């Protein structure tokens, strides 16, 4: 037969059962708290990932728009380069492609520098000092041409006589004195061919040579 269980043993079993029940309840509460925290963390991670995806999509759209603007500006600048190169532009082909590996520089800044460089290259500069002999020759040629016209005017006055004999020498002198200014015409053509401006120095060279040549012609023609 089974031995009877004493009250003390029964009470101890009840206390142990109560302790086990309380421990299980605590563990369940801890597990539930952990689960809630994990769910909250997972939801926050999903929300953060969604924000990052939206930000990446916006950056992608902005990058594509900037790429389109950069490509359009590159094509515009390259067309300006081809226009200034003239017939030789066929050999340069299309605009350059991005370098391998890309660049960390701001494309907007690079395009701005390219525009500034193109603007400076398109602005005509002053004629170099190496063309001073040609400028002096233009001045002398203008003086010779004016002197020749003046001589012809005087000869015409002498040939017809009368009032022309009086007026033509005066006209001839005026034309001869304008000789240095006539030299500015070929000098301007020279400057245009070299895509330069006829600044103060070239003008001074032309006028100086023209004045000297005119003076020599007047002295020799006496």
N, C-alpha and C. Protein backbone atom coordinates (compact mmCIF):
# COMPACT_ATOMS: atom_id res chain seq x y z
N UNK A 1 0.84 -1.19 0.00
CA UNK A 1 0.00 0.00 0.00
C UNK A 1 0.88 1.25 0.00
N UNK A 2 0.33 2.39 -0.64
CA UNK A 2 1.08 3.64 -0.66
C UNK A 2 1.12 4.25 0.71
N UNK A 3 2.31 4.87 0.95
CA UNK A 3 2.46 5.52 2.23
C UNK A 3 1.73 6.84 2.20
N UNK A 4 1.09 7.25 3.20
CA UNK A 4 0.39 8.55 3.27
C UNK A 4 1.40 9.69 3.24
N UNK A 5 0.99 10.78 2.55
CA UNK A 5 1.85 11.96 2.43
C UNK A 5 1.56 12.87 3.60
N UNK A 6 2.62 13.28 4.23
CA UNK A 6 2.44 14.14 5.40
C UNK A 6 2.08 15.53 4.95
N UNK A 7 1.55 16.31 5.82
CA UNK A 7 1.14 17.69 5.53
C UNK A 7 2.34 18.58 5.22
N UNK A 8 3.45 18.29 5.88
CA UNK A 8 4.63 19.12 5.63
C UNK A 8 5.15 18.90 4.22
N UNK A 9 5.17 17.62 3.82
CA UNK A 9 5.64 17.34 2.46
C UNK A 9 4.69 17.94 1.43
N UNK A 10 3.40 17.87 1.68
CA UNK A 10 2.42 18.42 0.75
C UNK A 10 2.57 19.93 0.66
N UNK A 11 2.79 20.56 1.80
CA UNK A 11 2.97 22.02 1.81
C UNK A 11 4.24 22.42 1.04
N UNK A 12 5.28 21.63 1.20
CA UNK A 12 6.51 21.94 0.49
C UNK A 12 6.32 21.79 -1.02
N UNK A 13 5.56 20.78 -1.44
CA UNK A 13 5.29 20.61 -2.86
C UNK A 13 4.47 21.76 -3.42
N UNK A 14 3.52 22.23 -2.62
CA UNK A 14 2.71 23.37 -3.05
C UNK A 14 3.56 24.63 -3.20
N UNK A 15 4.46 24.82 -2.21
CA UNK A 15 5.32 26.01 -2.31
C UNK A 15 6.23 25.92 -3.54
N UNK A 16 6.74 24.74 -3.79
CA UNK A 16 7.61 24.58 -4.96
C UNK A 16 6.84 24.80 -6.24
N UNK A 17 5.59 24.27 -6.27
CA UNK A 17 4.76 24.47 -7.44
C UNK A 17 4.46 25.95 -7.64
N UNK A 18 4.22 26.64 -6.54
CA UNK A 18 3.95 28.08 -6.64
C UNK A 18 5.19 28.82 -7.13
N UNK A 19 6.37 28.41 -6.63
CA UNK A 19 7.61 29.05 -7.08
C UNK A 19 7.84 28.81 -8.57
N UNK A 20 7.60 27.57 -8.98
CA UNK A 20 7.79 27.26 -10.40
C UNK A 20 6.81 28.03 -11.27
N UNK A 21 5.57 28.15 -10.77
CA UNK A 21 4.56 28.90 -11.52
C UNK A 21 4.95 30.37 -11.64
N UNK A 22 5.45 30.94 -10.52
CA UNK A 22 5.87 32.34 -10.55
C UNK A 22 7.07 32.53 -11.48
N UNK A 23 7.98 31.55 -11.45
CA UNK A 23 9.16 31.66 -12.32
C UNK A 23 8.75 31.58 -13.79
N UNK A 24 7.84 30.66 -14.09
CA UNK A 24 7.36 30.55 -15.46
C UNK A 24 6.67 31.82 -15.89
N UNK A 25 5.86 32.42 -14.96
CA UNK A 25 5.17 33.67 -15.29
C UNK A 25 6.18 34.78 -15.57
N UNK A 26 7.25 34.86 -14.76
CA UNK A 26 8.28 35.88 -14.98
C UNK A 26 8.99 35.67 -16.32
N UNK A 27 9.30 34.40 -16.60
CA UNK A 27 9.98 34.13 -17.86
C UNK A 27 9.09 34.46 -19.06
N UNK A 28 7.77 34.15 -18.90
CA UNK A 28 6.85 34.50 -19.98
C UNK A 28 6.78 36.02 -20.15
N UNK A 29 6.77 36.74 -19.01
CA UNK A 29 6.73 38.20 -19.09
C UNK A 29 8.00 38.75 -19.74
N UNK A 30 9.15 38.18 -19.36
CA UNK A 30 10.40 38.60 -19.97
C UNK A 30 10.42 38.29 -21.47
N UNK A 31 9.93 37.09 -21.81
CA UNK A 31 9.89 36.72 -23.22
C UNK A 31 8.95 37.64 -24.00
N UNK A 32 7.82 37.99 -23.40
CA UNK A 32 6.88 38.88 -24.07
C UNK A 32 7.49 40.28 -24.23
N UNK A 33 8.17 40.75 -23.16
CA UNK A 33 8.83 42.06 -23.26
C UNK A 33 9.91 42.05 -24.32
N UNK A 34 10.70 40.99 -24.36
CA UNK A 34 11.75 40.87 -25.38
C UNK A 34 11.15 40.85 -26.78
N UNK A 35 10.03 40.11 -26.92
CA UNK A 35 9.37 40.01 -28.22
C UNK A 35 8.84 41.38 -28.66
N UNK A 36 8.25 42.11 -27.71
CA UNK A 36 7.73 43.44 -28.04
C UNK A 36 8.87 44.36 -28.46
N UNK A 37 9.97 44.29 -27.72
CA UNK A 37 11.12 45.13 -28.06
C UNK A 37 11.68 44.76 -29.43
N UNK A 38 11.78 43.48 -29.69
CA UNK A 38 12.30 43.04 -30.98
C UNK A 38 11.39 43.48 -32.12
N UNK A 39 10.09 43.39 -31.89
CA UNK A 39 9.14 43.84 -32.93
C UNK A 39 9.26 45.34 -33.17
N UNK A 40 9.39 46.10 -32.05
CA UNK A 40 9.54 47.55 -32.18
C UNK A 40 10.83 47.90 -32.91
N UNK A 41 11.92 47.17 -32.55
CA UNK A 41 13.19 47.42 -33.23
C UNK A 41 13.11 47.06 -34.70
N UNK A 42 12.44 45.95 -34.99
CA UNK A 42 12.30 45.55 -36.39
C UNK A 42 11.47 46.55 -37.17
N UNK A 43 10.37 47.03 -36.56
CA UNK A 43 9.55 48.04 -37.23
C UNK A 43 10.32 49.33 -37.46
N UNK A 44 11.14 49.73 -36.45
CA UNK A 44 11.96 50.93 -36.60
C UNK A 44 13.00 50.75 -37.70
N UNK A 45 13.60 49.54 -37.74
CA UNK A 45 14.59 49.26 -38.79
C UNK A 45 13.94 49.31 -40.17
N UNK A 46 12.73 48.76 -40.28
CA UNK A 46 12.02 48.79 -41.55
C UNK A 46 11.70 50.24 -41.95
N UNK A 47 11.26 51.05 -40.96
CA UNK A 47 10.95 52.46 -41.24
C UNK A 47 12.21 53.21 -41.67
N UNK A 48 13.33 52.95 -40.95
CA UNK A 48 14.59 53.61 -41.33
C UNK A 48 15.03 53.19 -42.73
N UNK A 49 14.88 51.90 -43.03
CA UNK A 49 15.26 51.41 -44.36
C UNK A 49 14.38 52.05 -45.44
N UNK A 50 13.09 52.20 -45.13
CA UNK A 50 12.18 52.84 -46.09
C UNK A 50 12.58 54.30 -46.32
N UNK A 51 12.96 54.99 -45.22
CA UNK A 51 13.42 56.38 -45.37
C UNK A 51 14.68 56.46 -46.21
N UNK A 52 15.58 55.51 -45.95
CA UNK A 52 16.82 55.50 -46.73
C UNK A 52 16.54 55.21 -48.21
N UNK A 53 15.59 54.32 -48.47
CA UNK A 53 15.24 54.02 -49.87
C UNK A 53 14.64 55.25 -50.54
N UNK A 54 13.73 55.95 -49.84
CA UNK A 54 13.15 57.16 -50.41
C UNK A 54 14.21 58.22 -50.66
N UNK A 55 15.14 58.39 -49.68
CA UNK A 55 16.22 59.37 -49.86
C UNK A 55 17.12 58.98 -51.03
N UNK A 56 17.40 57.67 -51.16
CA UNK A 56 18.23 57.22 -52.28
C UNK A 56 17.53 57.44 -53.61
N UNK A 57 16.20 57.20 -53.64
CA UNK A 57 15.46 57.45 -54.88
C UNK A 57 15.48 58.93 -55.25
N UNK A 58 15.32 59.80 -54.24
CA UNK A 58 15.38 61.24 -54.51
C UNK A 58 16.76 61.66 -55.00
N UNK A 59 17.81 61.10 -54.37
CA UNK A 59 19.17 61.40 -54.82
C UNK A 59 19.40 60.89 -56.24
N UNK A 60 18.83 59.74 -56.56
CA UNK A 60 18.98 59.19 -57.91
C UNK A 60 18.30 60.09 -58.94
N UNK A 61 17.09 60.55 -58.61
CA UNK A 61 16.38 61.45 -59.52
C UNK A 61 17.17 62.74 -59.71
N UNK A 62 17.66 63.31 -58.57
CA UNK A 62 18.45 64.55 -58.66
C UNK A 62 19.73 64.33 -59.47
N UNK A 63 20.37 63.16 -59.27
CA UNK A 63 21.60 62.87 -60.01
C UNK A 63 21.32 62.74 -61.50
N UNK A 64 20.20 62.11 -61.86
CA UNK A 64 19.86 61.98 -63.27
C UNK A 64 19.56 63.34 -63.89
N UNK A 65 18.83 64.20 -63.14
CA UNK A 65 18.55 65.54 -63.65
C UNK A 65 19.84 66.34 -63.83
N UNK A 66 20.75 66.23 -62.84
CA UNK A 66 22.02 66.93 -62.97
C UNK A 66 22.83 66.37 -64.14
N UNK A 67 22.79 65.06 -64.34
CA UNK A 67 23.51 64.46 -65.46
C UNK A 67 22.97 65.00 -66.79
N UNK A 68 21.65 65.10 -66.89
CA UNK A 68 21.06 65.62 -68.11
C UNK A 68 21.48 67.06 -68.35
N UNK A 69 21.48 67.88 -67.25
CA UNK A 69 21.90 69.27 -67.41
C UNK A 69 23.37 69.35 -67.79
N UNK A 70 24.20 68.52 -67.17
CA UNK A 70 25.64 68.53 -67.47
C UNK A 70 25.87 68.09 -68.92
N UNK A 71 25.17 67.04 -69.36
CA UNK A 71 25.33 66.57 -70.73
C UNK A 71 24.91 67.66 -71.73
N UNK A 72 23.81 68.34 -71.41
CA UNK A 72 23.34 69.41 -72.31
C UNK A 72 24.35 70.55 -72.36
N UNK A 73 24.91 70.92 -71.19
CA UNK A 73 25.89 72.00 -71.16
C UNK A 73 27.17 71.60 -71.87
N UNK A 74 27.59 70.35 -71.69
CA UNK A 74 28.79 69.86 -72.38
C UNK A 74 28.59 69.92 -73.89
N UNK A 75 27.41 69.48 -74.35
CA UNK A 75 27.13 69.52 -75.79
C UNK A 75 27.14 70.96 -76.31
N UNK A 76 26.59 71.88 -75.50
CA UNK A 76 26.56 73.29 -75.92
C UNK A 76 27.97 73.87 -76.00
N UNK A 77 28.78 73.61 -74.98
CA UNK A 77 30.15 74.13 -74.99
C UNK A 77 30.97 73.50 -76.11
N UNK A 78 30.76 72.21 -76.33
CA UNK A 78 31.51 71.54 -77.40
C UNK A 78 31.11 72.10 -78.77
N UNK A 79 29.85 72.44 -78.92
CA UNK A 79 29.41 73.04 -80.18
C UNK A 79 30.07 74.40 -80.39
N UNK A 80 30.24 75.16 -79.31
CA UNK A 80 30.94 76.44 -79.41
C UNK A 80 32.40 76.22 -79.82
N UNK A 81 33.02 75.19 -79.24
CA UNK A 81 34.41 74.88 -79.61
C UNK A 81 34.49 74.53 -81.09
N UNK A 82 33.57 73.68 -81.56
CA UNK A 82 33.57 73.29 -82.98
C UNK A 82 33.34 74.49 -83.88
N UNK A 83 32.47 75.41 -83.44
CA UNK A 83 32.19 76.60 -84.25
C UNK A 83 33.44 77.46 -84.38
N UNK A 84 34.19 77.59 -83.29
CA UNK A 84 35.39 78.44 -83.34
C UNK A 84 36.54 77.76 -84.08
N UNK A 85 36.54 76.43 -84.09
CA UNK A 85 37.59 75.74 -84.83
C UNK A 85 37.36 75.80 -86.33
N UNK A 86 36.11 76.01 -86.72
CA UNK A 86 35.81 76.12 -88.14
C UNK A 86 35.86 74.79 -88.85
N UNK A 87 36.38 74.77 -90.10
CA UNK A 87 36.40 73.52 -90.87
C UNK A 87 37.20 72.41 -90.19
N UNK A 88 38.19 72.74 -89.39
CA UNK A 88 38.98 71.71 -88.73
C UNK A 88 38.27 71.00 -87.61
N UNK A 89 37.02 71.40 -87.30
CA UNK A 89 36.29 70.79 -86.20
C UNK A 89 35.86 69.36 -86.51
N UNK A 90 35.87 68.98 -87.79
CA UNK A 90 35.46 67.61 -88.13
C UNK A 90 36.39 66.58 -87.53
N UNK A 91 37.64 66.95 -87.36
CA UNK A 91 38.61 65.98 -86.85
C UNK A 91 38.50 65.76 -85.36
N UNK A 92 37.85 66.67 -84.63
CA UNK A 92 37.78 66.52 -83.18
C UNK A 92 36.65 65.59 -82.76
N UNK A 93 35.70 65.32 -83.65
CA UNK A 93 34.62 64.40 -83.33
C UNK A 93 33.65 64.96 -82.31
N UNK A 94 33.08 64.04 -81.50
CA UNK A 94 32.09 64.43 -80.52
C UNK A 94 32.72 64.89 -79.23
N UNK A 95 31.89 65.28 -78.25
CA UNK A 95 32.43 65.75 -76.97
C UNK A 95 33.14 64.62 -76.23
N UNK A 96 34.11 64.93 -75.40
CA UNK A 96 34.84 63.89 -74.67
C UNK A 96 33.95 63.17 -73.69
N UNK A 97 34.21 61.89 -73.50
CA UNK A 97 33.46 61.08 -72.54
C UNK A 97 34.12 61.17 -71.17
N UNK A 98 33.37 60.86 -70.09
CA UNK A 98 33.97 60.91 -68.75
C UNK A 98 35.15 59.96 -68.64
N UNK A 99 36.14 60.38 -67.87
CA UNK A 99 37.33 59.55 -67.69
C UNK A 99 37.00 58.31 -66.88
N UNK A 100 37.77 57.24 -67.09
CA UNK A 100 37.57 56.01 -66.34
C UNK A 100 37.77 56.25 -64.86
N UNK A 101 36.85 55.74 -64.06
CA UNK A 101 36.96 55.95 -62.62
C UNK A 101 36.26 57.20 -62.15
N UNK A 102 35.83 58.06 -63.11
CA UNK A 102 35.10 59.26 -62.72
C UNK A 102 35.99 60.26 -62.02
N UNK A 103 35.37 61.26 -61.47
CA UNK A 103 36.10 62.29 -60.75
C UNK A 103 35.29 62.75 -59.57
N UNK A 104 35.95 63.19 -58.53
CA UNK A 104 35.26 63.65 -57.34
C UNK A 104 34.95 65.14 -57.40
N UNK A 105 35.41 65.81 -58.45
CA UNK A 105 35.18 67.24 -58.57
C UNK A 105 33.72 67.51 -58.93
N UNK A 106 33.26 68.70 -58.54
CA UNK A 106 31.89 69.10 -58.84
C UNK A 106 31.77 69.40 -60.34
N UNK A 107 30.89 68.68 -61.06
CA UNK A 107 30.78 68.93 -62.49
C UNK A 107 30.31 70.34 -62.82
N UNK A 108 29.48 70.92 -61.95
CA UNK A 108 29.01 72.29 -62.17
C UNK A 108 30.19 73.26 -62.12
N UNK A 109 31.11 73.04 -61.17
CA UNK A 109 32.29 73.89 -61.06
C UNK A 109 33.20 73.71 -62.27
N UNK A 110 33.37 72.47 -62.70
CA UNK A 110 34.21 72.21 -63.88
C UNK A 110 33.62 72.86 -65.13
N UNK A 111 32.30 72.80 -65.28
CA UNK A 111 31.67 73.43 -66.44
C UNK A 111 31.81 74.95 -66.37
N UNK A 112 31.71 75.50 -65.15
CA UNK A 112 31.88 76.94 -65.01
C UNK A 112 33.29 77.36 -65.42
N UNK A 113 34.29 76.58 -65.02
CA UNK A 113 35.66 76.87 -65.42
C UNK A 113 35.83 76.74 -66.93
N UNK A 114 35.18 75.73 -67.51
CA UNK A 114 35.27 75.56 -68.97
C UNK A 114 34.63 76.74 -69.70
N UNK A 115 33.50 77.22 -69.18
CA UNK A 115 32.86 78.39 -69.80
C UNK A 115 33.76 79.61 -69.71
N UNK A 116 34.36 79.83 -68.53
CA UNK A 116 35.26 80.98 -68.37
C UNK A 116 36.45 80.87 -69.32
N UNK A 117 37.02 79.68 -69.42
CA UNK A 117 38.16 79.48 -70.31
C UNK A 117 37.76 79.71 -71.77
N UNK A 118 36.58 79.24 -72.14
CA UNK A 118 36.11 79.43 -73.51
C UNK A 118 35.83 80.90 -73.78
N UNK A 119 35.29 81.61 -72.79
CA UNK A 119 35.04 83.04 -72.96
C UNK A 119 36.35 83.81 -73.13
N UNK A 120 37.34 83.45 -72.28
CA UNK A 120 38.63 84.13 -72.40
C UNK A 120 39.30 83.82 -73.73
N UNK A 121 39.16 82.58 -74.18
CA UNK A 121 39.76 82.21 -75.46
C UNK A 121 39.06 82.91 -76.62
N UNK A 122 37.77 83.20 -76.45
CA UNK A 122 37.05 83.85 -77.53
C UNK A 122 37.25 85.35 -77.59
N UNK A 123 37.78 85.94 -76.52
CA UNK A 123 38.00 87.38 -76.52
C UNK A 123 39.28 87.71 -77.29
N UNK A 124 39.21 88.61 -78.25
CA UNK A 124 40.41 88.94 -79.02
C UNK A 124 41.44 89.66 -78.16
N UNK A 125 42.69 89.29 -78.35
CA UNK A 125 43.77 89.95 -77.62
C UNK A 125 44.44 90.99 -78.49
N UNK A 126 45.45 91.64 -77.93
CA UNK A 126 46.17 92.67 -78.69
C UNK A 126 47.22 92.01 -79.57
N UNK A 127 47.52 92.65 -80.67
CA UNK A 127 48.54 92.12 -81.58
C UNK A 127 49.88 92.02 -80.88
N UNK A 128 50.61 90.93 -81.09
CA UNK A 128 51.92 90.79 -80.44
C UNK A 128 52.94 91.76 -81.03
N UNK A 129 54.02 91.96 -80.30
CA UNK A 129 55.06 92.86 -80.76
C UNK A 129 55.79 92.36 -81.99
N UNK A 130 55.65 91.05 -82.28
CA UNK A 130 56.35 90.50 -83.44
C UNK A 130 55.81 91.03 -84.76
N UNK A 131 54.60 91.61 -84.74
CA UNK A 131 54.01 92.12 -85.99
C UNK A 131 54.26 93.62 -86.15
N UNK A 132 55.06 94.20 -85.27
CA UNK A 132 55.35 95.63 -85.39
C UNK A 132 55.93 96.01 -86.75
N UNK A 133 56.84 95.21 -87.32
CA UNK A 133 57.33 95.56 -88.67
C UNK A 133 56.20 95.62 -89.71
N UNK A 134 55.25 94.68 -89.63
CA UNK A 134 54.13 94.71 -90.56
C UNK A 134 53.25 95.94 -90.33
N UNK A 135 53.08 96.31 -89.07
CA UNK A 135 52.30 97.51 -88.77
C UNK A 135 53.00 98.75 -89.30
N UNK A 136 54.31 98.81 -89.12
CA UNK A 136 55.06 99.95 -89.65
C UNK A 136 54.97 99.98 -91.17
N UNK A 137 54.99 98.80 -91.79
CA UNK A 137 54.85 98.75 -93.23
C UNK A 137 53.47 99.24 -93.67
N UNK A 138 52.44 98.93 -92.89
CA UNK A 138 51.09 99.43 -93.21
C UNK A 138 51.07 100.95 -93.15
N UNK A 139 51.70 101.52 -92.11
CA UNK A 139 51.75 102.97 -91.99
C UNK A 139 52.50 103.60 -93.15
N UNK A 140 53.65 103.02 -93.51
CA UNK A 140 54.43 103.56 -94.62
C UNK A 140 53.69 103.41 -95.94
N UNK A 141 52.99 102.26 -96.12
CA UNK A 141 52.24 102.06 -97.36
C UNK A 141 51.11 103.07 -97.48
N UNK A 142 50.44 103.35 -96.36
CA UNK A 142 49.40 104.36 -96.39
C UNK A 142 49.94 105.73 -96.74
N UNK A 143 51.11 106.06 -96.20
CA UNK A 143 51.72 107.35 -96.52
C UNK A 143 52.10 107.42 -98.01
N UNK A 144 52.67 106.34 -98.54
CA UNK A 144 53.05 106.32 -99.96
C UNK A 144 51.82 106.45 -100.84
N UNK A 145 50.73 105.72 -100.47
CA UNK A 145 49.51 105.80 -101.28
C UNK A 145 48.93 107.21 -101.26
N UNK A 146 48.89 107.81 -100.06
CA UNK A 146 48.36 109.17 -99.96
C UNK A 146 49.23 110.16 -100.72
N UNK A 147 50.54 109.97 -100.62
CA UNK A 147 51.45 110.88 -101.35
C UNK A 147 51.26 110.73 -102.85
N UNK A 148 51.06 109.50 -103.30
CA UNK A 148 50.85 109.27 -104.74
C UNK A 148 49.54 109.92 -105.19
N UNK A 149 48.50 109.81 -104.38
CA UNK A 149 47.24 110.46 -104.72
C UNK A 149 47.40 111.98 -104.75
N UNK A 150 48.15 112.49 -103.77
CA UNK A 150 48.40 113.93 -103.73
C UNK A 150 49.18 114.40 -104.95
N UNK A 151 50.18 113.62 -105.35
CA UNK A 151 50.96 113.97 -106.54
C UNK A 151 50.09 113.97 -107.78
N UNK A 152 49.20 112.98 -107.86
CA UNK A 152 48.29 112.93 -108.99
C UNK A 152 47.34 114.11 -109.00
N UNK A 153 46.89 114.52 -107.80
CA UNK A 153 46.00 115.68 -107.72
C UNK A 153 46.71 116.95 -108.14
N UNK A 154 47.96 117.10 -107.75
CA UNK A 154 48.70 118.29 -108.16
C UNK A 154 48.94 118.31 -109.67
N UNK A 155 49.26 117.12 -110.18
CA UNK A 155 49.47 117.04 -111.64
C UNK A 155 48.18 117.35 -112.39
N UNK A 156 47.06 116.89 -111.83
CA UNK A 156 45.78 117.18 -112.46
C UNK A 156 45.48 118.67 -112.45
N UNK A 157 45.81 119.34 -111.35
CA UNK A 157 45.60 120.78 -111.26
C UNK A 157 46.46 121.54 -112.24
N UNK A 158 47.69 121.10 -112.37
CA UNK A 158 48.60 121.77 -113.32
C UNK A 158 48.13 121.55 -114.74
N UNK A 159 47.60 120.34 -115.02
CA UNK A 159 47.17 120.03 -116.38
C UNK A 159 45.96 120.83 -116.80
N UNK A 160 45.00 121.01 -115.89
CA UNK A 160 43.78 121.73 -116.25
C UNK A 160 43.91 123.23 -116.04
N UNK A 161 44.76 123.63 -115.13
CA UNK A 161 44.96 125.05 -114.88
C UNK A 161 43.73 125.69 -114.24
N UNK A 162 43.70 126.97 -114.21
CA UNK A 162 42.57 127.70 -113.66
C UNK A 162 42.43 127.49 -112.16
N UNK A 163 41.18 127.35 -111.74
CA UNK A 163 40.91 127.15 -110.31
C UNK A 163 41.48 125.83 -109.81
N UNK A 164 41.50 124.83 -110.68
CA UNK A 164 42.07 123.54 -110.25
C UNK A 164 43.55 123.67 -109.92
N UNK A 165 44.24 124.52 -110.61
CA UNK A 165 45.66 124.71 -110.33
C UNK A 165 45.88 125.28 -108.94
N UNK A 166 44.86 125.98 -108.43
CA UNK A 166 44.96 126.54 -107.07
C UNK A 166 44.44 125.57 -106.03
N UNK A 167 43.32 124.90 -106.32
CA UNK A 167 42.68 124.03 -105.32
C UNK A 167 43.32 122.67 -105.18
N UNK A 168 43.78 122.11 -106.30
CA UNK A 168 44.33 120.76 -106.24
C UNK A 168 45.58 120.63 -105.36
N UNK A 169 46.51 121.58 -105.35
CA UNK A 169 47.65 121.44 -104.44
C UNK A 169 47.23 121.41 -102.97
N UNK A 170 46.19 122.21 -102.63
CA UNK A 170 45.70 122.18 -101.24
C UNK A 170 45.10 120.82 -100.92
N UNK A 171 44.28 120.32 -101.86
CA UNK A 171 43.68 118.98 -101.67
C UNK A 171 44.76 117.91 -101.59
N UNK A 172 45.78 118.07 -102.42
CA UNK A 172 46.88 117.09 -102.42
C UNK A 172 47.60 117.09 -101.08
N UNK A 173 47.78 118.27 -100.50
CA UNK A 173 48.45 118.35 -99.20
C UNK A 173 47.61 117.69 -98.11
N UNK A 174 46.29 117.93 -98.16
CA UNK A 174 45.40 117.30 -97.16
C UNK A 174 45.44 115.79 -97.28
N UNK A 175 45.35 115.30 -98.51
CA UNK A 175 45.38 113.84 -98.72
C UNK A 175 46.69 113.26 -98.24
N UNK A 176 47.80 113.98 -98.55
CA UNK A 176 49.11 113.48 -98.12
C UNK A 176 49.21 113.42 -96.60
N UNK A 177 48.68 114.42 -95.93
CA UNK A 177 48.74 114.42 -94.46
C UNK A 177 47.86 113.35 -93.84
N UNK A 178 46.86 112.89 -94.59
CA UNK A 178 46.01 111.81 -94.09
C UNK A 178 46.60 110.44 -94.34
N UNK A 179 47.77 110.39 -94.94
CA UNK A 179 48.41 109.11 -95.24
C UNK A 179 48.57 108.19 -94.04
N UNK A 180 49.04 108.68 -92.88
CA UNK A 180 49.19 107.78 -91.73
C UNK A 180 47.88 107.12 -91.32
N UNK A 181 46.75 107.84 -91.48
CA UNK A 181 45.46 107.26 -91.12
C UNK A 181 45.05 106.17 -92.11
N UNK A 182 45.44 106.32 -93.37
CA UNK A 182 45.12 105.30 -94.36
C UNK A 182 45.78 103.97 -94.00
N UNK A 183 46.95 104.06 -93.38
CA UNK A 183 47.64 102.83 -92.98
C UNK A 183 46.91 102.03 -91.94
N UNK A 184 45.93 102.65 -91.25
CA UNK A 184 45.16 101.91 -90.24
C UNK A 184 44.23 100.90 -90.88
N UNK A 185 43.86 101.11 -92.16
CA UNK A 185 42.95 100.17 -92.82
C UNK A 185 43.57 98.80 -92.99
N UNK A 186 44.75 98.66 -93.61
CA UNK A 186 45.35 97.32 -93.69
C UNK A 186 45.76 96.77 -92.33
N UNK A 187 46.11 97.67 -91.40
CA UNK A 187 46.44 97.21 -90.05
C UNK A 187 45.23 96.57 -89.39
N UNK A 188 44.05 97.13 -89.61
CA UNK A 188 42.82 96.55 -89.05
C UNK A 188 42.53 95.20 -89.69
N UNK A 189 42.77 95.07 -90.97
CA UNK A 189 42.58 93.78 -91.64
C UNK A 189 43.53 92.73 -91.06
N UNK A 190 44.77 93.14 -90.81
CA UNK A 190 45.74 92.23 -90.21
C UNK A 190 45.28 91.79 -88.82
N UNK A 191 44.77 92.72 -88.04
CA UNK A 191 44.30 92.38 -86.69
C UNK A 191 43.10 91.44 -86.75
N UNK A 192 42.19 91.66 -87.68
CA UNK A 192 41.02 90.79 -87.79
C UNK A 192 41.42 89.37 -88.17
N UNK A 193 42.39 89.24 -89.05
CA UNK A 193 42.82 87.89 -89.44
C UNK A 193 43.49 87.15 -88.30
N UNK A 194 44.09 87.88 -87.41
CA UNK A 194 44.75 87.26 -86.26
C UNK A 194 43.83 87.23 -85.04
N UNK A 195 42.56 87.57 -85.24
CA UNK A 195 41.57 87.59 -84.16
C UNK A 195 42.08 88.40 -82.98
N UNK A 196 42.50 89.62 -83.29
CA UNK A 196 43.04 90.51 -82.27
C UNK A 196 42.42 91.90 -82.45
N UNK A 197 42.63 92.73 -81.43
CA UNK A 197 42.14 94.11 -81.50
C UNK A 197 43.30 95.03 -81.86
N UNK A 198 42.95 96.10 -82.51
CA UNK A 198 43.95 97.10 -82.87
C UNK A 198 44.03 98.10 -81.72
N UNK A 199 44.87 97.76 -80.73
CA UNK A 199 44.96 98.56 -79.52
C UNK A 199 45.81 99.81 -79.69
N UNK A 200 46.05 100.52 -78.58
CA UNK A 200 46.83 101.76 -78.64
C UNK A 200 48.25 101.56 -79.18
N UNK A 201 48.92 100.47 -78.78
CA UNK A 201 50.29 100.27 -79.24
C UNK A 201 50.37 100.04 -80.74
N UNK A 202 49.56 99.13 -81.30
CA UNK A 202 49.62 98.97 -82.76
C UNK A 202 49.25 100.25 -83.51
N UNK A 203 48.26 100.97 -83.01
CA UNK A 203 47.87 102.23 -83.67
C UNK A 203 49.03 103.22 -83.65
N UNK A 204 49.72 103.29 -82.51
CA UNK A 204 50.86 104.20 -82.40
C UNK A 204 51.95 103.83 -83.38
N UNK A 205 52.20 102.52 -83.54
CA UNK A 205 53.23 102.06 -84.48
C UNK A 205 52.85 102.45 -85.91
N UNK A 206 51.58 102.23 -86.28
CA UNK A 206 51.14 102.55 -87.64
C UNK A 206 51.23 104.05 -87.90
N UNK A 207 50.68 104.84 -86.97
CA UNK A 207 50.69 106.29 -87.16
C UNK A 207 52.11 106.84 -87.15
N UNK A 208 52.94 106.31 -86.24
CA UNK A 208 54.32 106.79 -86.18
C UNK A 208 55.06 106.52 -87.47
N UNK A 209 54.94 105.28 -87.99
CA UNK A 209 55.60 104.95 -89.26
C UNK A 209 55.03 105.78 -90.40
N UNK A 210 53.72 106.02 -90.38
CA UNK A 210 53.10 106.82 -91.43
C UNK A 210 53.56 108.26 -91.40
N UNK A 211 53.67 108.82 -90.21
CA UNK A 211 54.13 110.21 -90.09
C UNK A 211 55.57 110.35 -90.57
N UNK A 212 56.41 109.40 -90.16
CA UNK A 212 57.82 109.45 -90.59
C UNK A 212 57.92 109.32 -92.10
N UNK A 213 57.15 108.37 -92.68
CA UNK A 213 57.20 108.18 -94.13
C UNK A 213 56.66 109.40 -94.86
N UNK A 214 55.59 110.00 -94.33
CA UNK A 214 55.04 111.20 -94.97
C UNK A 214 56.03 112.35 -94.94
N UNK A 215 56.69 112.52 -93.79
CA UNK A 215 57.68 113.59 -93.68
C UNK A 215 58.83 113.38 -94.66
N UNK A 216 59.30 112.13 -94.76
CA UNK A 216 60.39 111.85 -95.69
C UNK A 216 59.96 112.10 -97.15
N UNK A 217 58.75 111.71 -97.47
CA UNK A 217 58.27 111.92 -98.83
C UNK A 217 58.14 113.40 -99.15
N UNK A 218 57.64 114.17 -98.19
CA UNK A 218 57.51 115.61 -98.42
C UNK A 218 58.88 116.27 -98.58
N UNK A 219 59.83 115.81 -97.76
CA UNK A 219 61.18 116.40 -97.87
C UNK A 219 61.83 116.03 -99.20
N UNK A 220 61.69 114.75 -99.59
CA UNK A 220 62.30 114.31 -100.84
C UNK A 220 61.58 114.88 -102.06
N UNK A 221 60.30 115.24 -101.92
CA UNK A 221 59.55 115.73 -103.05
C UNK A 221 59.72 117.21 -103.33
N UNK A 222 60.43 117.89 -102.49
CA UNK A 222 60.63 119.31 -102.72
C UNK A 222 61.61 119.54 -103.88
